[in-house]
Amino acid sequence: LLAGVAVSSLFSAGLSALKYISNAEALRDLMLWLMGGFWGAKWKNIYILFPVVLLSSIVLYTKSQDFNALFLGDDLAKTMGIDVKKTHKIGLFLTTLMASTAIAFSGIIGFIGLVAPHISRSIFGTDNRILIPASALMGSFILLLADTIARNAFSPVEIPVGIITSLIGAP
């Protein structure tokens, strides 16, 4: 917990420094990225995002049985023949890769990665063969709903979708 607070402070200081040294246009772009949204979405971004997400999802799905075994505990997973450390590393690397690639293009859209899997788990159970694709679809649905609200709530002004997802996710 303390390490998380320290790392958060470090990156907060970095963002503050960027805000301080940025010109007006760069500052506006930085603030929009920090709030998250799709106003900068372009089809060329799909050429980068799609292969990363597709390949990572395929690997995660093929390892879903191993992830199911990890729910039983590391010791039991080892007795089932699962290389626990390797499976943890693969899962962490691929989910981080997918999240960071998406965030690079859309900005920080809070709570989707927390809320969607929890809703999916409560509806579909804990089997990762179902939970992984269900969480992706649930996240897409929640984000589509939040984006629709963001575009229409204060029309003609569009508010950043990250504000809406934070209002949904925080409670």
C-alpha atoms as a PDB file:
ATOM      1  CA  LEU A   1       0.000   0.000   0.000  1.00  0.00           C
ATOM      2  CA  LEU A   2       2.757   2.430   0.913  1.00  0.00           C
ATOM      3  CA  ALA A   3       4.679   1.577  -2.239  1.00  0.00           C
ATOM      4  CA  GLY A   4       1.542   2.312  -4.270  1.00  0.00           C
ATOM      5  CA  VAL A   5       1.145   5.684  -2.594  1.00  0.00           C
ATOM      6  CA  ALA A   6       4.814   6.483  -3.237  1.00  0.00           C
ATOM      7  CA  VAL A   7       4.616   5.515  -6.930  1.00  0.00           C
ATOM      8  CA  SER A   8       1.381   7.488  -7.286  1.00  0.00           C
ATOM      9  CA  SER A   9       3.078  10.553  -5.798  1.00  0.00           C
ATOM     10  CA  LEU A  10       6.033  10.146  -8.131  1.00  0.00           C
ATOM     11  CA  PHE A  11       3.852  10.039 -11.238  1.00  0.00           C
ATOM     12  CA  SER A  12       1.645  12.833  -9.913  1.00  0.00           C
ATOM     13  CA  ALA A  13       4.769  14.977  -9.606  1.00  0.00           C
ATOM     14  CA  GLY A  14       5.709  14.080 -13.178  1.00  0.00           C
ATOM     15  CA  LEU A  15       2.256  15.091 -14.427  1.00  0.00           C
ATOM     16  CA  SER A  16       2.431  18.332 -12.474  1.00  0.00           C
ATOM     17  CA  ALA A  17       5.801  19.078 -14.059  1.00  0.00           C
ATOM     18  CA  LEU A  18       4.385  18.401 -17.522  1.00  0.00           C
ATOM     19  CA  LYS A  19       1.432  20.706 -16.820  1.00  0.00           C
ATOM     20  CA  TYR A  20       3.767  23.420 -15.583  1.00  0.00           C
ATOM     21  CA  ILE A  21       6.094  23.405 -18.600  1.00  0.00           C
ATOM     22  CA  SER A  22       3.434  22.848 -21.281  1.00  0.00           C
ATOM     23  CA  ASN A  23       2.163  25.534 -23.589  1.00  0.00           C
ATOM     24  CA  ALA A  24      -1.601  26.175 -23.755  1.00  0.00           C
ATOM     25  CA  GLU A  25      -2.351  23.704 -26.562  1.00  0.00           C
ATOM     26  CA  ALA A  26      -0.205  20.915 -25.116  1.00  0.00           C
ATOM     27  CA  LEU A  27      -1.772  21.497 -21.698  1.00  0.00           C
ATOM     28  CA  ARG A  28      -5.257  21.182 -23.185  1.00  0.00           C
ATOM     29  CA  ASP A  29      -4.282  17.931 -24.924  1.00  0.00           C
ATOM     30  CA  LEU A  30      -2.774  16.585 -21.702  1.00  0.00           C
ATOM     31  CA  MET A  31      -5.892  17.447 -19.698  1.00  0.00           C
ATOM     32  CA  LEU A  32      -8.153  15.828 -22.296  1.00  0.00           C
ATOM     33  CA  TRP A  33      -5.987  12.672 -22.252  1.00  0.00           C
ATOM     34  CA  LEU A  34      -6.127  12.574 -18.452  1.00  0.00           C
ATOM     35  CA  MET A  35      -9.941  12.762 -18.545  1.00  0.00           C
ATOM     36  CA  GLY A  36     -10.199  10.055 -21.209  1.00  0.00           C
ATOM     37  CA  GLY A  37     -12.324  10.026 -24.318  1.00  0.00           C
ATOM     38  CA  PHE A  38     -12.648   9.061 -27.959  1.00  0.00           C
ATOM     39  CA  TRP A  39     -12.468  12.450 -29.683  1.00  0.00           C
ATOM     40  CA  GLY A  40      -8.976  11.600 -30.939  1.00  0.00           C
ATOM     41  CA  ALA A  41      -9.943   8.134 -32.190  1.00  0.00           C
ATOM     42  CA  LYS A  42      -8.830   7.418 -35.731  1.00  0.00           C
ATOM     43  CA  TRP A  43      -8.981   4.308 -37.871  1.00  0.00           C
ATOM     44  CA  LYS A  44      -5.188   4.183 -38.056  1.00  0.00           C
ATOM     45  CA  ASN A  45      -5.165   3.539 -34.287  1.00  0.00           C
ATOM     46  CA  ILE A  46      -7.055   0.307 -34.920  1.00  0.00           C
ATOM     47  CA  TYR A  47      -4.093  -1.010 -36.932  1.00  0.00           C
ATOM     48  CA  ILE A  48      -2.017  -0.860 -33.751  1.00  0.00           C
ATOM     49  CA  LEU A  49      -4.678  -1.725 -31.171  1.00  0.00           C
ATOM     50  CA  PHE A  50      -6.356  -4.646 -32.936  1.00  0.00           C
ATOM     51  CA  PRO A  51      -3.340  -6.962 -33.299  1.00  0.00           C
ATOM     52  CA  VAL A  52      -2.196  -6.298 -29.712  1.00  0.00           C
ATOM     53  CA  VAL A  53      -5.631  -6.946 -28.236  1.00  0.00           C
ATOM     54  CA  LEU A  54      -6.404  -9.908 -30.502  1.00  0.00           C
ATOM     55  CA  LEU A  55      -3.135 -11.767 -29.918  1.00  0.00           C
ATOM     56  CA  SER A  56      -3.142 -11.043 -26.179  1.00  0.00           C
ATOM     57  CA  SER A  57      -6.767 -12.162 -25.878  1.00  0.00           C
ATOM     58  CA  ILE A  58      -6.066 -15.397 -27.727  1.00  0.00           C
ATOM     59  CA  VAL A  59      -3.136 -16.224 -25.452  1.00  0.00           C
ATOM     60  CA  LEU A  60      -5.124 -15.322 -22.325  1.00  0.00           C
ATOM     61  CA  TYR A  61      -8.037 -17.450 -23.503  1.00  0.00           C
ATOM     62  CA  THR A  62      -5.784 -20.441 -24.183  1.00  0.00           C
ATOM     63  CA  LYS A  63      -4.364 -20.069 -20.655  1.00  0.00           C
ATOM     64  CA  SER A  64      -7.825 -19.692 -19.075  1.00  0.00           C
ATOM     65  CA  GLN A  65      -7.739 -23.200 -17.578  1.00  0.00           C
ATOM     66  CA  ASP A  66      -4.451 -22.342 -15.881  1.00  0.00           C
ATOM     67  CA  PHE A  67      -5.990 -19.149 -14.505  1.00  0.00           C
ATOM     68  CA  ASN A  68      -8.928 -21.197 -13.219  1.00  0.00           C
ATOM     69  CA  ALA A  69      -6.459 -23.431 -11.383  1.00  0.00           C
ATOM     70  CA  LEU A  70      -4.802 -20.373  -9.830  1.00  0.00           C
ATOM     71  CA  PHE A  71      -8.131 -19.494  -8.188  1.00  0.00           C
ATOM     72  CA  LEU A  72      -7.735 -22.663  -6.150  1.00  0.00           C
ATOM     73  CA  GLY A  73      -4.445 -21.413  -4.739  1.00  0.00           C
ATOM     74  CA  ASP A  74      -0.823 -21.568  -5.831  1.00  0.00           C
ATOM     75  CA  ASP A  75      -0.040 -24.819  -4.024  1.00  0.00           C
ATOM     76  CA  LEU A  76      -2.974 -26.691  -5.531  1.00  0.00           C
ATOM     77  CA  ALA A  77      -2.227 -25.237  -8.968  1.00  0.00           C
ATOM     78  CA  LYS A  78       1.358 -26.528  -8.684  1.00  0.00           C
ATOM     79  CA  THR A  79       0.065 -30.008  -7.909  1.00  0.00           C
ATOM     80  CA  MET A  80      -2.062 -29.762 -11.063  1.00  0.00           C
ATOM     81  CA  GLY A  81       1.091 -29.175 -13.104  1.00  0.00           C
ATOM     82  CA  ILE A  82       0.722 -25.413 -13.571  1.00  0.00           C
ATOM     83  CA  ASP A  83       3.869 -23.308 -13.643  1.00  0.00           C
ATOM     84  CA  VAL A  84       2.478 -20.698 -11.251  1.00  0.00           C
ATOM     85  CA  LYS A  85       5.190 -18.051 -11.652  1.00  0.00           C
ATOM     86  CA  LYS A  86       5.136 -18.281 -15.442  1.00  0.00           C
ATOM     87  CA  THR A  87       1.336 -18.113 -15.545  1.00  0.00           C
ATOM     88  CA  HIS A  88       1.308 -15.065 -13.268  1.00  0.00           C
ATOM     89  CA  LYS A  89       3.930 -13.356 -15.438  1.00  0.00           C
ATOM     90  CA  ILE A  90       2.096 -14.126 -18.684  1.00  0.00           C
ATOM     91  CA  GLY A  91      -1.221 -12.879 -17.294  1.00  0.00           C
ATOM     92  CA  LEU A  92       0.291  -9.738 -15.831  1.00  0.00           C
ATOM     93  CA  PHE A  93       2.320  -8.944 -18.960  1.00  0.00           C
ATOM     94  CA  LEU A  94      -0.540  -9.434 -21.421  1.00  0.00           C
ATOM     95  CA  THR A  95      -3.169  -7.555 -19.416  1.00  0.00           C
ATOM     96  CA  THR A  96      -0.717  -4.707 -18.842  1.00  0.00           C
ATOM     97  CA  LEU A  97       0.141  -4.659 -22.555  1.00  0.00           C
ATOM     98  CA  MET A  98      -3.509  -4.486 -23.589  1.00  0.00           C
ATOM     99  CA  ALA A  99      -4.435  -1.862 -20.993  1.00  0.00           C
ATOM    100  CA  SER A 100      -1.440   0.362 -21.681  1.00  0.00           C
ATOM    101  CA  THR A 101      -1.965   0.213 -25.449  1.00  0.00           C
ATOM    102  CA  ALA A 102      -5.624   1.181 -25.083  1.00  0.00           C
ATOM    103  CA  ILE A 103      -4.811   3.957 -22.605  1.00  0.00           C
ATOM    104  CA  ALA A 104      -2.176   5.383 -24.946  1.00  0.00           C
ATOM    105  CA  PHE A 105      -4.882   6.102 -27.537  1.00  0.00           C
ATOM    106  CA  SER A 106      -7.960   6.874 -25.454  1.00  0.00           C
ATOM    107  CA  GLY A 107      -6.544   8.406 -22.285  1.00  0.00           C
ATOM    108  CA  ILE A 108      -7.335   7.347 -18.771  1.00  0.00           C
ATOM    109  CA  ILE A 109     -10.908   6.064 -18.641  1.00  0.00           C
ATOM    110  CA  GLY A 110     -11.348   5.020 -15.040  1.00  0.00           C
ATOM    111  CA  PHE A 111     -13.100   2.046 -13.508  1.00  0.00           C
ATOM    112  CA  ILE A 112     -13.963   0.077 -16.671  1.00  0.00           C
ATOM    113  CA  GLY A 113     -11.250  -2.482 -15.914  1.00  0.00           C
ATOM    114  CA  LEU A 114     -12.544  -2.836 -12.354  1.00  0.00           C
ATOM    115  CA  VAL A 115     -16.309  -2.711 -12.821  1.00  0.00           C
ATOM    116  CA  ALA A 116     -16.758  -4.875 -15.946  1.00  0.00           C
ATOM    117  CA  PRO A 117     -15.039  -8.036 -14.617  1.00  0.00           C
ATOM    118  CA  HIS A 118     -16.892  -7.795 -11.296  1.00  0.00           C
ATOM    119  CA  ILE A 119     -20.275  -7.449 -12.998  1.00  0.00           C
ATOM    120  CA  SER A 120     -19.387 -10.282 -15.389  1.00  0.00           C
ATOM    121  CA  ARG A 121     -18.237 -12.508 -12.534  1.00  0.00           C
ATOM    122  CA  SER A 122     -21.499 -11.961 -10.671  1.00  0.00           C
ATOM    123  CA  ILE A 123     -23.518 -12.847 -13.787  1.00  0.00           C
ATOM    124  CA  PHE A 124     -21.429 -15.629 -15.400  1.00  0.00           C
ATOM    125  CA  GLY A 125     -19.374 -17.103 -12.550  1.00  0.00           C
ATOM    126  CA  THR A 126     -15.632 -17.545 -12.235  1.00  0.00           C
ATOM    127  CA  ASP A 127     -14.777 -19.801 -15.199  1.00  0.00           C
ATOM    128  CA  ASN A 128     -12.219 -17.775 -17.158  1.00  0.00           C
ATOM    129  CA  ARG A 129     -13.202 -19.428 -20.443  1.00  0.00           C
ATOM    130  CA  ILE A 130     -16.452 -17.474 -20.149  1.00  0.00           C
ATOM    131  CA  LEU A 131     -15.317 -14.631 -17.898  1.00  0.00           C
ATOM    132  CA  ILE A 132     -12.549 -13.257 -20.164  1.00  0.00           C
ATOM    133  CA  PRO A 133     -14.755 -12.669 -23.247  1.00  0.00           C
ATOM    134  CA  ALA A 134     -17.750 -11.686 -21.064  1.00  0.00           C
ATOM    135  CA  SER A 135     -15.661  -9.039 -19.290  1.00  0.00           C
ATOM    136  CA  ALA A 136     -14.506  -7.622 -22.624  1.00  0.00           C
ATOM    137  CA  LEU A 137     -18.084  -7.419 -23.880  1.00  0.00           C
ATOM    138  CA  MET A 138     -19.347  -5.980 -20.586  1.00  0.00           C
ATOM    139  CA  GLY A 139     -16.583  -3.349 -20.618  1.00  0.00           C
ATOM    140  CA  SER A 140     -17.496  -2.467 -24.201  1.00  0.00           C
ATOM    141  CA  PHE A 141     -21.158  -2.148 -23.276  1.00  0.00           C
ATOM    142  CA  ILE A 142     -20.478   0.025 -20.218  1.00  0.00           C
ATOM    143  CA  LEU A 143     -18.108   2.219 -22.214  1.00  0.00           C
ATOM    144  CA  LEU A 144     -20.621   2.573 -25.056  1.00  0.00           C
ATOM    145  CA  LEU A 145     -23.317   3.539 -22.555  1.00  0.00           C
ATOM    146  CA  ALA A 146     -21.006   6.038 -20.816  1.00  0.00           C
ATOM    147  CA  ASP A 147     -19.929   7.542 -24.156  1.00  0.00           C
ATOM    148  CA  THR A 148     -23.553   7.946 -25.224  1.00  0.00           C
ATOM    149  CA  ILE A 149     -24.323   9.745 -21.954  1.00  0.00           C
ATOM    150  CA  ALA A 150     -21.179  11.888 -22.306  1.00  0.00           C
ATOM    151  CA  ARG A 151     -22.165  12.959 -25.812  1.00  0.00           C
ATOM    152  CA  ASN A 152     -25.822  13.665 -25.054  1.00  0.00           C
ATOM    153  CA  ALA A 153     -26.137  14.737 -21.405  1.00  0.00           C
ATOM    154  CA  PHE A 154     -25.064  18.347 -21.954  1.00  0.00           C
ATOM    155  CA  SER A 155     -25.554  18.555 -25.718  1.00  0.00           C
ATOM    156  CA  PRO A 156     -24.123  20.276 -27.750  1.00  0.00           C
ATOM    157  CA  VAL A 157     -21.130  20.122 -25.380  1.00  0.00           C
ATOM    158  CA  GLU A 158     -19.441  16.729 -25.139  1.00  0.00           C
ATOM    159  CA  ILE A 159     -17.953  15.916 -21.756  1.00  0.00           C
ATOM    160  CA  PRO A 160     -15.055  13.454 -21.455  1.00  0.00           C
ATOM    161  CA  VAL A 161     -16.250   9.875 -21.085  1.00  0.00           C
ATOM    162  CA  GLY A 162     -13.781   9.364 -18.224  1.00  0.00           C
ATOM    163  CA  ILE A 163     -15.909  11.656 -16.067  1.00  0.00           C
ATOM    164  CA  ILE A 164     -19.003   9.508 -16.661  1.00  0.00           C
ATOM    165  CA  THR A 165     -17.193   6.216 -16.019  1.00  0.00           C
ATOM    166  CA  SER A 166     -15.807   7.603 -12.776  1.00  0.00           C
ATOM    167  CA  LEU A 167     -19.306   8.619 -11.696  1.00  0.00           C
ATOM    168  CA  ILE A 168     -20.554   5.102 -12.516  1.00  0.00           C
ATOM    169  CA  GLY A 169     -17.573   3.242 -11.095  1.00  0.00           C
ATOM    170  CA  ALA A 170     -16.852   5.084  -7.873  1.00  0.00           C
ATOM    171  CA  PRO A 171     -20.076   4.066  -6.087  1.00  0.00           C
END
